N, C-alpha and C. Protein backbone atom coordinates (compact mmCIF):
# COMPACT_ATOMS: atom_id res chain seq x y z
N UNK A 1 -2.94 -2.23 -7.22
CA UNK A 1 -1.87 -2.00 -6.54
C UNK A 1 -1.26 -0.14 -6.36
N UNK A 2 -0.32 -0.17 -5.92
CA UNK A 2 0.51 1.22 -5.59
C UNK A 2 0.45 1.92 -6.89
N UNK A 3 0.47 2.97 -6.78
CA UNK A 3 1.14 3.91 -8.04
C UNK A 3 2.22 4.94 -7.35
N UNK A 4 3.45 5.00 -7.60
CA UNK A 4 4.70 5.95 -7.80
C UNK A 4 4.36 7.34 -8.48
N UNK A 5 4.71 8.24 -7.84
CA UNK A 5 4.45 9.77 -8.67
C UNK A 5 5.56 10.48 -8.59
N UNK A 6 6.76 10.36 -9.00
CA UNK A 6 7.67 11.38 -9.51
C UNK A 6 7.16 12.84 -10.34
N UNK A 7 7.40 13.68 -9.37
CA UNK A 7 7.12 15.12 -9.61
C UNK A 7 8.47 15.54 -10.68
N UNK A 8 8.00 15.81 -11.65
CA UNK A 8 8.95 16.71 -12.29
C UNK A 8 10.50 15.70 -12.53
N UNK A 9 11.08 14.49 -12.66
CA UNK A 9 12.04 13.80 -12.67
C UNK A 9 13.13 14.38 -13.66
N UNK A 10 14.42 15.11 -13.03
CA UNK A 10 15.43 15.29 -13.84
C UNK A 10 16.34 14.47 -14.63
N UNK A 11 16.56 13.10 -13.74
CA UNK A 11 17.67 12.48 -14.36
C UNK A 11 17.19 10.63 -14.78
N UNK A 12 17.42 10.81 -16.26
CA UNK A 12 16.53 9.32 -16.80
C UNK A 12 16.82 8.05 -16.14
N UNK A 13 18.43 7.78 -15.90
CA UNK A 13 18.28 6.62 -14.36
C UNK A 13 17.60 6.75 -14.24
N UNK A 14 16.75 7.66 -12.97
CA UNK A 14 16.18 7.29 -12.11
C UNK A 14 15.18 6.61 -12.24
N UNK A 15 14.69 7.34 -13.50
CA UNK A 15 12.72 6.97 -13.74
C UNK A 15 12.82 6.19 -14.70
N UNK A 16 14.25 5.33 -15.24
CA UNK A 16 14.39 4.23 -15.82
C UNK A 16 14.42 2.82 -14.74
N UNK A 17 15.28 2.89 -13.47
CA UNK A 17 14.66 2.61 -12.60
C UNK A 17 13.51 1.86 -11.95
N UNK A 18 13.08 3.56 -11.94
CA UNK A 18 11.08 3.19 -11.72
C UNK A 18 10.69 2.30 -12.07
N UNK A 19 11.05 2.24 -13.87
CA UNK A 19 10.07 1.77 -14.42
C UNK A 19 10.06 0.06 -14.67
N UNK A 20 11.74 -0.60 -14.37
CA UNK A 20 12.28 -1.33 -14.06
C UNK A 20 10.96 -1.97 -12.48
N UNK A 21 11.34 -0.86 -11.60
CA UNK A 21 10.72 -1.16 -10.11
C UNK A 21 8.80 -1.54 -10.57
N UNK A 22 8.05 -0.39 -11.24
CA UNK A 22 7.06 -0.50 -11.36
C UNK A 22 6.99 -2.14 -11.78
N UNK A 23 7.34 -2.36 -12.82
CA UNK A 23 7.10 -3.50 -13.98
C UNK A 23 7.01 -4.84 -12.88
N UNK A 24 7.99 -5.09 -12.10
CA UNK A 24 8.52 -6.08 -11.26
C UNK A 24 7.57 -5.88 -10.08
N UNK A 25 6.93 -4.91 -9.48
CA UNK A 25 6.28 -4.77 -8.22
C UNK A 25 4.24 -4.73 -8.64
N UNK A 26 4.36 -4.81 -10.02
CA UNK A 26 3.20 -4.23 -10.47
C UNK A 26 2.47 -2.69 -10.00
N UNK A 27 3.46 -2.27 -9.78
CA UNK A 27 2.86 -0.68 -9.11
C UNK A 27 2.75 0.01 -10.57
N UNK A 28 2.34 0.92 -10.24
CA UNK A 28 1.60 2.14 -11.74
C UNK A 28 3.06 3.21 -10.94
N UNK A 29 4.04 3.79 -12.52
CA UNK A 29 4.51 5.18 -12.27
C UNK A 29 4.39 6.31 -13.15
N UNK A 30 3.84 6.96 -12.40
CA UNK A 30 2.99 8.56 -12.96
C UNK A 30 4.18 9.41 -13.34
N UNK A 31 4.65 10.39 -13.72
CA UNK A 31 5.40 11.24 -14.35
C UNK A 31 5.19 12.32 -14.32
N UNK A 32 5.27 13.60 -13.68
CA UNK A 32 4.50 14.84 -14.24
C UNK A 32 5.83 15.94 -14.45
N UNK A 33 5.25 15.73 -15.65
CA UNK A 33 6.13 17.37 -16.48
C UNK A 33 6.58 18.77 -16.17
N UNK A 34 7.36 19.35 -16.08
CA UNK A 34 8.05 18.78 -17.48
C UNK A 34 9.29 17.96 -17.01
N UNK A 35 9.61 16.77 -17.71
CA UNK A 35 10.78 15.87 -17.48
C UNK A 35 12.05 16.44 -17.71
N UNK A 36 13.21 15.85 -17.39
CA UNK A 36 14.19 16.41 -17.48
C UNK A 36 15.02 15.72 -18.67
N UNK A 37 14.39 14.55 -19.35
CA UNK A 37 14.83 13.99 -20.47
C UNK A 37 13.71 13.67 -21.44
N UNK A 38 13.73 12.61 -21.92
CA UNK A 38 12.65 12.23 -22.87
C UNK A 38 12.74 11.04 -23.22
N UNK A 39 11.96 10.11 -23.84
CA UNK A 39 11.99 8.40 -23.61
C UNK A 39 12.49 8.21 -24.15
N UNK A 40 13.31 8.91 -25.60
CA UNK A 40 14.29 8.14 -26.20
C UNK A 40 15.29 7.83 -25.72
N UNK A 41 15.66 8.69 -24.35
CA UNK A 41 17.45 8.87 -23.91
C UNK A 41 17.83 7.47 -23.48
N UNK A 42 18.98 7.00 -24.19
CA UNK A 42 20.07 6.28 -24.38
C UNK A 42 19.97 5.74 -22.27
N UNK A 43 20.05 6.73 -21.63
CA UNK A 43 20.69 6.50 -20.17
C UNK A 43 19.23 5.95 -19.48
N UNK A 44 17.55 6.24 -20.20
CA UNK A 44 16.73 6.02 -19.10
C UNK A 44 16.14 4.82 -19.90
N UNK A 45 16.81 4.30 -21.35
CA UNK A 45 16.10 2.71 -21.69
C UNK A 45 17.27 1.94 -21.08
N UNK A 46 18.46 2.44 -20.91
CA UNK A 46 19.35 1.22 -20.60
C UNK A 46 19.18 1.08 -18.75
N UNK A 47 18.73 1.61 -18.11
CA UNK A 47 18.01 1.78 -16.57
C UNK A 47 16.87 1.06 -16.36
N UNK A 48 16.09 1.16 -17.47
CA UNK A 48 15.00 -0.12 -17.05
C UNK A 48 15.33 -1.05 -18.01
N UNK A 49 16.30 -1.59 -18.45
CA UNK A 49 16.46 -2.85 -19.48
C UNK A 49 15.41 -2.78 -20.19
N UNK A 50 14.80 -4.52 -20.23
CA UNK A 50 13.56 -4.52 -21.17
C UNK A 50 12.23 -4.67 -20.38
N UNK A 51 12.29 -3.66 -18.92
CA UNK A 51 10.68 -3.41 -18.86
C UNK A 51 9.83 -2.85 -19.14
N UNK A 52 10.41 -1.98 -20.46
CA UNK A 52 9.33 -0.78 -20.34
C UNK A 52 8.18 -0.96 -21.27
N UNK A 53 7.98 -1.80 -21.59
CA UNK A 53 6.78 -2.61 -22.43
C UNK A 53 6.16 -3.66 -21.08
N UNK A 54 6.85 -3.62 -20.08
CA UNK A 54 5.86 -4.46 -19.03
C UNK A 54 5.11 -3.38 -17.98
N UNK A 55 5.88 -2.21 -18.04
CA UNK A 55 5.64 -1.55 -16.64
C UNK A 55 4.30 -0.15 -17.05
N UNK A 56 3.45 -0.44 -16.59
CA UNK A 56 2.21 0.83 -16.71
C UNK A 56 2.92 2.04 -15.83
N UNK A 57 3.22 3.20 -17.38
CA UNK A 57 4.08 4.75 -16.95
C UNK A 57 3.32 5.58 -18.12
N UNK A 58 2.48 6.42 -17.27
CA UNK A 58 1.50 7.56 -17.41
C UNK A 58 2.36 8.74 -17.25
N UNK A 59 2.38 9.20 -18.25
CA UNK A 59 3.06 11.26 -17.92
C UNK A 59 1.82 12.00 -17.65
N UNK A 60 2.27 13.08 -16.87
CA UNK A 60 1.04 14.10 -16.63
C UNK A 60 1.56 15.18 -17.32
N UNK A 61 0.46 16.60 -17.60
CA UNK A 61 1.15 17.56 -18.28
C UNK A 61 1.82 18.14 -17.07
N UNK A 62 0.54 18.47 -15.84
CA UNK A 62 0.81 19.15 -14.82
C UNK A 62 0.40 18.04 -13.31
N UNK A 63 0.67 18.59 -12.27
CA UNK A 63 0.10 17.86 -11.04
C UNK A 63 -1.18 17.88 -10.84
N UNK A 64 -1.55 18.92 -11.51
CA UNK A 64 -3.46 19.26 -11.48
C UNK A 64 -4.20 17.96 -12.03
N UNK A 65 -3.49 17.88 -13.50
CA UNK A 65 -3.86 16.76 -14.31
C UNK A 65 -3.41 16.01 -13.66
N UNK A 66 -2.14 15.41 -13.06
CA UNK A 66 -2.16 14.00 -12.48
C UNK A 66 -3.26 13.53 -10.94
N UNK A 67 -3.96 14.49 -10.18
CA UNK A 67 -4.53 14.52 -9.62
C UNK A 67 -5.96 14.43 -10.16
N UNK A 68 -6.42 14.68 -11.05
CA UNK A 68 -7.65 14.38 -11.47
C UNK A 68 -7.46 12.66 -12.24
N UNK A 69 -6.22 12.74 -13.33
CA UNK A 69 -6.37 11.27 -13.94
C UNK A 69 -6.75 10.01 -12.13
N UNK A 70 -5.62 10.53 -11.18
CA UNK A 70 -5.69 9.01 -10.30
C UNK A 70 -6.54 9.33 -9.52
N UNK A 71 -7.22 10.45 -9.02
CA UNK A 71 -8.43 10.88 -7.78
C UNK A 71 -8.33 9.91 -6.37
N UNK A 72 -7.14 10.34 -6.07
CA UNK A 72 -6.48 9.39 -5.26
C UNK A 72 -7.27 9.84 -3.40
N UNK A 73 -7.45 8.40 -3.03
CA UNK A 73 -7.60 8.18 -1.73
C UNK A 73 -6.32 9.23 -0.59
N UNK A 74 -5.46 8.83 -0.47
CA UNK A 74 -4.33 8.54 0.12
C UNK A 74 -3.46 9.15 -0.43
N UNK A 75 -1.91 9.73 0.01
CA UNK A 75 -1.78 10.14 -1.08
C UNK A 75 -0.37 10.79 -0.08
N UNK A 76 1.06 9.44 -0.26
CA UNK A 76 1.84 10.13 0.76
C UNK A 76 3.55 10.80 0.52
N UNK A 77 3.45 11.92 0.63
CA UNK A 77 4.47 12.54 0.19
C UNK A 77 5.99 12.11 0.76
N UNK A 78 6.88 11.98 -0.09
CA UNK A 78 8.03 11.20 1.30
C UNK A 78 8.94 12.68 1.16
N UNK A 79 9.77 13.32 2.12
CA UNK A 79 10.61 14.35 1.84
C UNK A 79 11.15 14.31 3.25
N UNK A 80 12.09 14.57 3.57
CA UNK A 80 12.89 14.64 4.69
C UNK A 80 12.86 15.04 5.64
N UNK A 81 11.91 16.37 5.36
CA UNK A 81 10.95 16.93 6.71
C UNK A 81 10.02 15.96 7.00
N UNK A 82 9.49 15.31 6.62
CA UNK A 82 8.35 14.03 7.05
C UNK A 82 7.94 14.35 8.79
N UNK A 83 6.92 13.88 8.81
CA UNK A 83 6.64 13.78 10.08
C UNK A 83 6.17 12.41 10.49
N UNK A 84 5.67 11.40 9.67
CA UNK A 84 5.64 10.09 9.79
C UNK A 84 6.93 9.18 9.26
N UNK A 85 7.49 8.04 9.86
CA UNK A 85 8.31 7.49 9.44
C UNK A 85 7.67 6.13 8.32
N UNK A 86 8.66 5.74 7.39
CA UNK A 86 7.77 5.31 5.94
C UNK A 86 7.10 4.03 6.91
N UNK A 87 7.72 3.54 7.81
CA UNK A 87 7.46 1.97 8.23
C UNK A 87 6.27 2.07 9.15
N UNK A 88 5.49 3.73 9.53
CA UNK A 88 3.95 4.23 10.38
C UNK A 88 3.12 4.25 9.84
N UNK A 89 2.88 3.83 8.01
CA UNK A 89 2.06 4.30 7.51
C UNK A 89 1.46 2.91 7.03
N UNK A 90 0.49 2.44 7.62
CA UNK A 90 -1.19 0.75 7.06
C UNK A 90 -1.24 1.29 5.27
N UNK A 91 -0.52 1.00 4.44
CA UNK A 91 -0.33 1.32 3.08
C UNK A 91 -1.26 0.14 2.33
N UNK A 92 -2.55 1.17 2.07
CA UNK A 92 -3.40 -0.04 0.89
C UNK A 92 -3.41 0.48 -0.09
N UNK A 93 -3.39 -0.56 -1.55
CA UNK A 93 -4.04 -0.77 -2.54
C UNK A 93 -4.56 0.38 -3.15
N UNK A 94 -3.68 1.05 -4.29
CA UNK A 94 -4.20 2.51 -4.35
C UNK A 94 -3.64 3.53 -3.93
N UNK A 95 -2.78 3.08 -2.69
CA UNK A 95 -2.34 4.53 -2.23
C UNK A 95 -1.14 5.23 -3.48
N UNK A 96 -1.03 6.74 -3.22
CA UNK A 96 -0.09 7.39 -4.21
C UNK A 96 1.40 7.69 -3.26
N UNK A 97 2.26 7.29 -3.95
CA UNK A 97 3.32 6.89 -3.25
C UNK A 97 4.18 8.35 -4.06
N UNK A 98 4.29 9.40 -3.47
CA UNK A 98 5.53 10.60 -4.08
C UNK A 98 6.27 10.83 -3.59
N UNK A 99 6.97 11.42 -4.95
CA UNK A 99 8.69 12.25 -4.96
C UNK A 99 8.64 13.33 -5.58
N UNK A 100 9.70 14.04 -5.36
CA UNK A 100 10.19 14.99 -5.19
C UNK A 100 11.13 15.22 -6.10
N UNK A 101 12.08 15.80 -7.06
CA UNK A 101 13.02 16.34 -8.08
C UNK A 101 14.20 15.80 -7.58
N UNK A 102 15.28 15.28 -7.89
CA UNK A 102 16.33 15.52 -7.48
C UNK A 102 16.92 16.40 -7.14
N UNK A 103 17.15 17.24 -7.85
CA UNK A 103 17.65 18.16 -6.89
C UNK A 103 16.93 19.37 -5.81
N UNK A 104 15.84 19.43 -5.81
CA UNK A 104 15.11 20.07 -4.55
C UNK A 104 13.72 18.93 -3.87
N UNK A 105 13.81 17.77 -3.92
CA UNK A 105 12.69 17.33 -3.46
C UNK A 105 11.45 18.74 -3.97
N UNK A 106 10.38 17.87 -2.82
CA UNK A 106 9.20 18.21 -3.25
C UNK A 106 9.26 19.74 -2.73
N UNK A 107 8.13 20.41 -3.63
CA UNK A 107 7.99 22.02 -2.91
C UNK A 107 7.36 22.21 -2.40
N UNK A 108 6.86 22.97 -1.35
CA UNK A 108 6.55 23.50 -0.20
C UNK A 108 5.22 23.21 -0.44
N UNK A 109 5.00 24.41 -1.63
CA UNK A 109 3.45 24.21 -2.23
C UNK A 109 2.67 22.75 -2.32
N UNK A 110 3.37 22.00 -2.51
CA UNK A 110 3.13 20.64 -2.86
C UNK A 110 3.23 20.05 -1.67
N UNK A 111 4.18 19.84 -0.45
CA UNK A 111 4.00 19.23 0.91
C UNK A 111 2.35 19.79 1.60
N UNK A 112 1.77 21.52 1.19
CA UNK A 112 1.48 21.58 1.93
C UNK A 112 -0.30 21.64 1.41
N UNK A 113 -0.14 20.98 -0.19
CA UNK A 113 -1.42 20.37 -1.38
C UNK A 113 -2.58 19.66 -0.76
N UNK A 114 -3.97 19.72 -0.37
CA UNK A 114 -4.80 19.28 0.37
C UNK A 114 -4.60 17.69 0.20
N UNK A 115 -4.35 17.42 -1.25
CA UNK A 115 -4.35 16.15 -1.51
C UNK A 115 -3.21 14.97 -0.93
N UNK A 116 -2.16 15.92 0.06
CA UNK A 116 -1.27 15.17 0.43
C UNK A 116 -1.88 14.66 2.51
N UNK A 117 -1.65 13.06 2.02
CA UNK A 117 -2.17 12.39 3.48
C UNK A 117 -1.45 12.81 4.50
N UNK A 118 -0.16 12.43 4.25
CA UNK A 118 1.26 12.43 5.23
C UNK A 118 2.29 13.13 4.44
N UNK A 119 2.83 13.64 5.03
CA UNK A 119 4.52 13.78 4.62
C UNK A 119 5.38 12.48 5.40
N UNK A 120 6.31 11.82 4.44
CA UNK A 120 6.87 10.70 5.17
C UNK A 120 8.32 10.91 4.92
N UNK A 121 8.92 10.22 5.67
CA UNK A 121 10.28 10.25 5.99
C UNK A 121 10.61 9.19 6.05
N UNK A 122 12.01 9.07 5.35
CA UNK A 122 12.74 7.80 5.01
C UNK A 122 14.27 7.86 6.47
N UNK A 123 14.49 6.96 7.16
CA UNK A 123 15.64 7.72 8.01
C UNK A 123 16.81 7.69 7.29
N UNK A 124 17.75 8.83 8.07
CA UNK A 124 18.98 8.42 7.16
C UNK A 124 19.57 9.75 8.23
N UNK A 125 21.16 9.60 8.40
CA UNK A 125 22.13 10.41 9.01
C UNK A 125 21.29 11.67 8.66
N UNK A 126 21.96 12.61 10.14
CA UNK A 126 21.68 13.47 10.10
C UNK A 126 22.54 14.49 9.49
N UNK A 127 23.53 14.40 9.28
CA UNK A 127 24.28 14.85 8.48
C UNK A 127 24.39 15.12 6.95
N UNK A 128 23.34 14.03 6.69
CA UNK A 128 22.82 13.88 5.25
C UNK A 128 21.66 14.77 4.73
N UNK A 129 21.50 14.87 3.15
CA UNK A 129 20.84 15.66 2.79
C UNK A 129 19.73 15.21 2.11
N UNK A 130 19.66 13.60 1.44
CA UNK A 130 19.06 13.08 0.01
C UNK A 130 19.30 11.88 0.49
N UNK A 131 18.21 10.80 0.07
CA UNK A 131 19.05 9.63 -0.76
C UNK A 131 18.29 9.27 -2.34
N UNK A 132 18.89 8.86 -2.85
CA UNK A 132 18.69 8.79 -4.71
C UNK A 132 17.08 8.47 -4.53
N UNK A 133 16.68 9.26 -5.51
CA UNK A 133 14.97 9.37 -6.01
C UNK A 133 14.98 7.31 -5.92
N UNK A 134 15.40 7.29 -6.98
CA UNK A 134 14.89 5.51 -7.19
C UNK A 134 15.26 4.82 -6.26
N UNK A 135 15.94 4.69 -5.56
CA UNK A 135 16.35 4.01 -4.42
C UNK A 135 15.27 4.41 -3.21
N UNK A 136 14.81 5.40 -2.88
CA UNK A 136 13.84 5.74 -1.82
C UNK A 136 12.57 5.11 -2.65
N UNK A 137 12.61 5.15 -4.06
CA UNK A 137 10.71 4.64 -4.24
C UNK A 137 10.69 3.36 -4.27
N UNK A 138 12.01 2.51 -4.52
CA UNK A 138 12.01 0.85 -4.34
C UNK A 138 11.58 0.82 -2.25
N UNK A 139 12.33 1.48 -1.53
CA UNK A 139 12.12 1.47 -0.13
C UNK A 139 10.75 1.59 0.03
N UNK A 140 10.38 2.09 -0.72
CA UNK A 140 8.85 2.38 0.07
C UNK A 140 7.80 1.98 -0.91
N UNK A 141 7.91 1.42 -1.58
CA UNK A 141 6.76 0.38 -2.50
C UNK A 141 7.43 -0.90 -1.84
N UNK A 142 8.65 -1.23 -1.83
CA UNK A 142 8.99 -2.92 -1.01
C UNK A 142 7.97 -3.15 0.60
N UNK A 143 8.07 -1.73 0.74
CA UNK A 143 7.05 -1.16 2.58
C UNK A 143 5.94 -2.06 2.24
N UNK A 144 5.55 -0.76 1.39
CA UNK A 144 3.62 -1.03 0.95
C UNK A 144 3.50 -2.51 0.69
N UNK A 145 4.28 -2.85 -0.52
CA UNK A 145 3.73 -4.59 -0.62
C UNK A 145 3.96 -5.67 0.01
N UNK A 146 5.41 -4.92 0.84
CA UNK A 146 5.33 -6.56 2.32
C UNK A 146 4.19 -6.48 2.89
N UNK A 147 3.67 -4.52 3.06
CA UNK A 147 2.46 -4.98 4.31
C UNK A 147 1.05 -6.01 3.47
N UNK A 148 1.19 -6.16 2.22
CA UNK A 148 0.27 -6.22 1.77
C UNK A 148 0.35 -7.92 0.74
N UNK A 149 1.29 -8.17 1.99
CA UNK A 149 1.75 -9.73 1.80
C UNK A 149 2.30 -10.03 0.35
N UNK A 150 2.92 -9.18 -0.18
CA UNK A 150 3.40 -9.27 -1.25
C UNK A 150 2.61 -9.90 -2.73
N UNK A 151 1.21 -9.23 -2.41
CA UNK A 151 -0.42 -9.30 -3.05
C UNK A 151 0.42 -9.68 -5.21
N UNK A 152 0.64 -10.56 -5.45
CA UNK A 152 0.60 -11.01 -6.53
C UNK A 152 1.96 -11.29 -7.00
N UNK A 153 2.65 -11.84 -6.03
CA UNK A 153 4.16 -11.88 -6.62
C UNK A 153 4.03 -13.52 -6.16
N UNK A 154 5.04 -14.41 -7.38
CA UNK A 154 5.20 -15.09 -7.28
C UNK A 154 6.72 -15.58 -6.01
N UNK A 155 6.20 -15.79 -5.09
CA UNK A 155 7.60 -16.19 -3.70
C UNK A 155 8.01 -17.56 -3.90
N UNK A 156 9.42 -17.76 -4.29
CA UNK A 156 9.63 -19.32 -3.80
C UNK A 156 10.55 -19.37 -2.91
N UNK A 157 9.97 -21.28 -2.41
CA UNK A 157 10.23 -21.07 -1.29
C UNK A 157 11.72 -21.61 -1.32
């Protein structure tokens, strides 16, 4: 399945929502420290509902540790200055969908990291800066999952 990577997330509610997203789609969620919260945070627990035990969540001390653990073949860095649209990518299981922190996005040195396959953007009106982190991850994961015929999902007629 797909792997979601949040680089130093700051807002517990966003990560809680991503935990729920990972659980219901079968994605893995990888978080790179430092985190702007701890796992006992009530907002994180509330946003994740009762999905915390159903999600695969891994915390990495550094981005280098994440790269070593993930050994990714393809990493898509979601950023407002991406050169490819999110629907232009042919996603494959095992792909890493990477997102930056809420206040700053991805730093320039990460956008140019050799692990990055492509910088990807979600469309938005030109006068606006960014989309909520959990919402952006949801859009990307569902597009990747859709392209792979919602593998593993129970789809009711």
